[in-house]
Amino acid sequence: MDEDVKHGEILGPAEEAQERKVRRGFWGTFRKAARQIPFSEELVAAYYCATDRNTPTRVRAVLLGALAYFVLPIDAIPDFVAGIGFADDASILLTTLGIVRAHITPAHRAAARDALDGREAA
């Protein structure tokens, strides 16, 4: 085992699969929901935090779980229901953001602003 790798600092297969789903579905789902999400910049910053290898593993796992719920088409209130479809997603995301906010760095926020301003290919 590589001595630079700390026990518990590597995502397991389930979290890695979840990260792939989030990376694959985040931007498409975000574009559909952006006008309904008043905290869009914070959500994109959370995405960058979740995909940052320097973010602690537990924080990444929590964020990936919430973001996976956001991108997966099956959830408590179907996303296509006008006006309230993203309400359950927003509740979960806001709660998660409140829990992990301290781990969302200025670099994550700057990357989010750049992505939302179109300065970075999403």
C-alpha atoms as a PDB file:
ATOM      1  CA  MET A   1       0.000   0.000   0.000  1.00  0.00           C
ATOM      2  CA  ASP A   2       1.259   3.486  -0.850  1.00  0.00           C
ATOM      3  CA  GLU A   3       2.383   5.210   2.362  1.00  0.00           C
ATOM      4  CA  ASP A   4       0.969   8.572   1.220  1.00  0.00           C
ATOM      5  CA  VAL A   5      -2.562   7.131   1.225  1.00  0.00           C
ATOM      6  CA  LYS A   6      -4.290   7.407   4.579  1.00  0.00           C
ATOM      7  CA  HIS A   7      -6.756   4.737   5.643  1.00  0.00           C
ATOM      8  CA  GLY A   8     -10.300   5.920   5.018  1.00  0.00           C
ATOM      9  CA  GLU A   9      -9.287   8.694   2.605  1.00  0.00           C
ATOM     10  CA  ILE A  10     -10.253   6.823  -0.556  1.00  0.00           C
ATOM     11  CA  LEU A  11     -13.833   6.632  -1.718  1.00  0.00           C
ATOM     12  CA  GLY A  12     -15.162   3.109  -1.984  1.00  0.00           C
ATOM     13  CA  PRO A  13     -16.661   1.605  -5.148  1.00  0.00           C
ATOM     14  CA  ALA A  14     -20.191   2.817  -4.287  1.00  0.00           C
ATOM     15  CA  GLU A  15     -19.045   6.412  -3.817  1.00  0.00           C
ATOM     16  CA  GLU A  16     -16.929   6.275  -6.963  1.00  0.00           C
ATOM     17  CA  ALA A  17     -19.957   5.089  -8.955  1.00  0.00           C
ATOM     18  CA  GLN A  18     -21.990   7.882  -7.395  1.00  0.00           C
ATOM     19  CA  GLU A  19     -19.342  10.414  -8.377  1.00  0.00           C
ATOM     20  CA  ARG A  20     -19.470   9.195 -11.993  1.00  0.00           C
ATOM     21  CA  LYS A  21     -23.281   9.603 -12.008  1.00  0.00           C
ATOM     22  CA  VAL A  22     -22.981  13.110 -10.564  1.00  0.00           C
ATOM     23  CA  ARG A  23     -20.293  14.148 -13.053  1.00  0.00           C
ATOM     24  CA  ARG A  24     -22.349  12.721 -15.933  1.00  0.00           C
ATOM     25  CA  GLY A  25     -25.698  14.236 -14.942  1.00  0.00           C
ATOM     26  CA  PHE A  26     -24.998  17.401 -12.975  1.00  0.00           C
ATOM     27  CA  TRP A  27     -24.803  20.038 -15.704  1.00  0.00           C
ATOM     28  CA  GLY A  28     -27.833  18.825 -17.671  1.00  0.00           C
ATOM     29  CA  THR A  29     -29.997  18.671 -14.557  1.00  0.00           C
ATOM     30  CA  PHE A  30     -28.629  21.990 -13.323  1.00  0.00           C
ATOM     31  CA  ARG A  31     -29.514  23.735 -16.589  1.00  0.00           C
ATOM     32  CA  LYS A  32     -33.094  22.419 -16.377  1.00  0.00           C
ATOM     33  CA  ALA A  33     -33.495  23.507 -12.752  1.00  0.00           C
ATOM     34  CA  ALA A  34     -31.358  26.683 -12.610  1.00  0.00           C
ATOM     35  CA  ARG A  35     -34.231  29.140 -12.826  1.00  0.00           C
ATOM     36  CA  GLN A  36     -35.943  27.384  -9.901  1.00  0.00           C
ATOM     37  CA  ILE A  37     -32.857  27.323  -7.664  1.00  0.00           C
ATOM     38  CA  PRO A  38     -32.117  30.618  -5.891  1.00  0.00           C
ATOM     39  CA  PHE A  39     -28.829  29.225  -4.556  1.00  0.00           C
ATOM     40  CA  SER A  40     -27.352  28.188  -7.916  1.00  0.00           C
ATOM     41  CA  GLU A  41     -23.855  29.519  -7.245  1.00  0.00           C
ATOM     42  CA  GLU A  42     -23.675  27.672  -3.932  1.00  0.00           C
ATOM     43  CA  LEU A  43     -24.873  24.475  -5.620  1.00  0.00           C
ATOM     44  CA  VAL A  44     -22.200  24.694  -8.322  1.00  0.00           C
ATOM     45  CA  ALA A  45     -19.572  25.431  -5.643  1.00  0.00           C
ATOM     46  CA  ALA A  46     -20.761  22.281  -3.832  1.00  0.00           C
ATOM     47  CA  TYR A  47     -20.300  20.336  -7.075  1.00  0.00           C
ATOM     48  CA  TYR A  48     -16.697  21.553  -7.317  1.00  0.00           C
ATOM     49  CA  CYS A  49     -16.156  20.745  -3.635  1.00  0.00           C
ATOM     50  CA  ALA A  50     -17.525  17.212  -4.127  1.00  0.00           C
ATOM     51  CA  THR A  51     -15.249  16.568  -7.100  1.00  0.00           C
ATOM     52  CA  ASP A  52     -12.157  18.065  -5.435  1.00  0.00           C
ATOM     53  CA  ARG A  53      -9.789  15.300  -4.289  1.00  0.00           C
ATOM     54  CA  ASN A  54      -8.566  17.586  -1.483  1.00  0.00           C
ATOM     55  CA  THR A  55     -12.015  17.677   0.149  1.00  0.00           C
ATOM     56  CA  PRO A  56     -12.242  15.228   3.070  1.00  0.00           C
ATOM     57  CA  THR A  57     -13.712  11.869   2.038  1.00  0.00           C
ATOM     58  CA  ARG A  58     -16.724  12.035   4.346  1.00  0.00           C
ATOM     59  CA  VAL A  59     -17.645  15.499   3.075  1.00  0.00           C
ATOM     60  CA  ARG A  60     -17.281  14.333  -0.532  1.00  0.00           C
ATOM     61  CA  ALA A  61     -19.485  11.307   0.185  1.00  0.00           C
ATOM     62  CA  VAL A  62     -22.231  13.460   1.757  1.00  0.00           C
ATOM     63  CA  LEU A  63     -22.122  15.962  -1.106  1.00  0.00           C
ATOM     64  CA  LEU A  64     -22.080  13.230  -3.745  1.00  0.00           C
ATOM     65  CA  GLY A  65     -25.122  11.620  -2.136  1.00  0.00           C
ATOM     66  CA  ALA A  66     -27.079  14.888  -2.192  1.00  0.00           C
ATOM     67  CA  LEU A  67     -25.934  15.740  -5.717  1.00  0.00           C
ATOM     68  CA  ALA A  68     -26.801  12.219  -6.908  1.00  0.00           C
ATOM     69  CA  TYR A  69     -30.326  12.705  -5.554  1.00  0.00           C
ATOM     70  CA  PHE A  70     -30.448  15.965  -7.519  1.00  0.00           C
ATOM     71  CA  VAL A  71     -29.342  14.396 -10.818  1.00  0.00           C
ATOM     72  CA  LEU A  72     -31.193  11.086 -10.636  1.00  0.00           C
ATOM     73  CA  PRO A  73     -34.593  11.201 -12.347  1.00  0.00           C
ATOM     74  CA  ILE A  74     -36.368   9.114  -9.693  1.00  0.00           C
ATOM     75  CA  ASP A  75     -37.069  10.833  -6.374  1.00  0.00           C
ATOM     76  CA  ALA A  76     -39.865  11.696  -3.930  1.00  0.00           C
ATOM     77  CA  ILE A  77     -41.419  14.411  -6.107  1.00  0.00           C
ATOM     78  CA  PRO A  78     -40.793  13.912  -9.838  1.00  0.00           C
ATOM     79  CA  ASP A  79     -38.747  16.786 -11.247  1.00  0.00           C
ATOM     80  CA  PHE A  80     -41.182  17.333 -14.121  1.00  0.00           C
ATOM     81  CA  VAL A  81     -43.993  18.432 -11.747  1.00  0.00           C
ATOM     82  CA  ALA A  82     -44.286  22.147 -12.513  1.00  0.00           C
ATOM     83  CA  GLY A  83     -43.320  24.500  -9.717  1.00  0.00           C
ATOM     84  CA  ILE A  84     -42.597  21.895  -7.049  1.00  0.00           C
ATOM     85  CA  GLY A  85     -40.625  19.219  -8.889  1.00  0.00           C
ATOM     86  CA  PHE A  86     -37.293  20.372  -7.523  1.00  0.00           C
ATOM     87  CA  ALA A  87     -38.590  21.250  -4.034  1.00  0.00           C
ATOM     88  CA  ASP A  88     -37.450  17.973  -2.470  1.00  0.00           C
ATOM     89  CA  ASP A  89     -34.093  18.228  -4.245  1.00  0.00           C
ATOM     90  CA  ALA A  90     -33.677  21.805  -2.989  1.00  0.00           C
ATOM     91  CA  SER A  91     -34.499  20.777   0.591  1.00  0.00           C
ATOM     92  CA  ILE A  92     -31.884  18.042   0.568  1.00  0.00           C
ATOM     93  CA  LEU A  93     -29.293  20.266  -1.106  1.00  0.00           C
ATOM     94  CA  LEU A  94     -29.863  23.181   1.296  1.00  0.00           C
ATOM     95  CA  THR A  95     -29.602  20.890   4.320  1.00  0.00           C
ATOM     96  CA  THR A  96     -26.419  19.325   2.965  1.00  0.00           C
ATOM     97  CA  LEU A  97     -24.916  22.720   2.137  1.00  0.00           C
ATOM     98  CA  GLY A  98     -25.601  23.851   5.687  1.00  0.00           C
ATOM     99  CA  ILE A  99     -23.744  20.838   7.039  1.00  0.00           C
ATOM    100  CA  VAL A 100     -20.663  21.051   4.799  1.00  0.00           C
ATOM    101  CA  ARG A 101     -20.478  24.790   4.071  1.00  0.00           C
ATOM    102  CA  ALA A 102     -17.156  25.141   5.918  1.00  0.00           C
ATOM    103  CA  HIS A 103     -15.526  22.807   3.386  1.00  0.00           C
ATOM    104  CA  ILE A 104     -16.602  24.829   0.346  1.00  0.00           C
ATOM    105  CA  THR A 105     -13.517  26.936  -0.262  1.00  0.00           C
ATOM    106  CA  PRO A 106     -13.052  30.287  -1.991  1.00  0.00           C
ATOM    107  CA  ALA A 107     -11.527  28.331  -4.918  1.00  0.00           C
ATOM    108  CA  HIS A 108     -14.737  26.269  -5.244  1.00  0.00           C
ATOM    109  CA  ARG A 109     -16.807  29.466  -5.172  1.00  0.00           C
ATOM    110  CA  ALA A 110     -14.565  31.137  -7.778  1.00  0.00           C
ATOM    111  CA  ALA A 111     -14.850  28.082 -10.056  1.00  0.00           C
ATOM    112  CA  ALA A 112     -18.642  28.231  -9.640  1.00  0.00           C
ATOM    113  CA  ARG A 113     -18.752  31.924 -10.575  1.00  0.00           C
ATOM    114  CA  ASP A 114     -16.547  31.246 -13.604  1.00  0.00           C
ATOM    115  CA  ALA A 115     -18.742  28.327 -14.719  1.00  0.00           C
ATOM    116  CA  LEU A 116     -21.938  30.337 -14.279  1.00  0.00           C
ATOM    117  CA  ASP A 117     -20.422  33.269 -16.169  1.00  0.00           C
ATOM    118  CA  GLY A 118     -19.504  30.916 -19.025  1.00  0.00           C
ATOM    119  CA  ARG A 119     -15.759  31.309 -18.534  1.00  0.00           C
ATOM    120  CA  GLU A 120     -15.281  27.576 -18.124  1.00  0.00           C
ATOM    121  CA  ALA A 121     -16.661  24.733 -20.186  1.00  0.00           C
ATOM    122  CA  ALA A 122     -19.080  22.859 -17.943  1.00  0.00           C
END
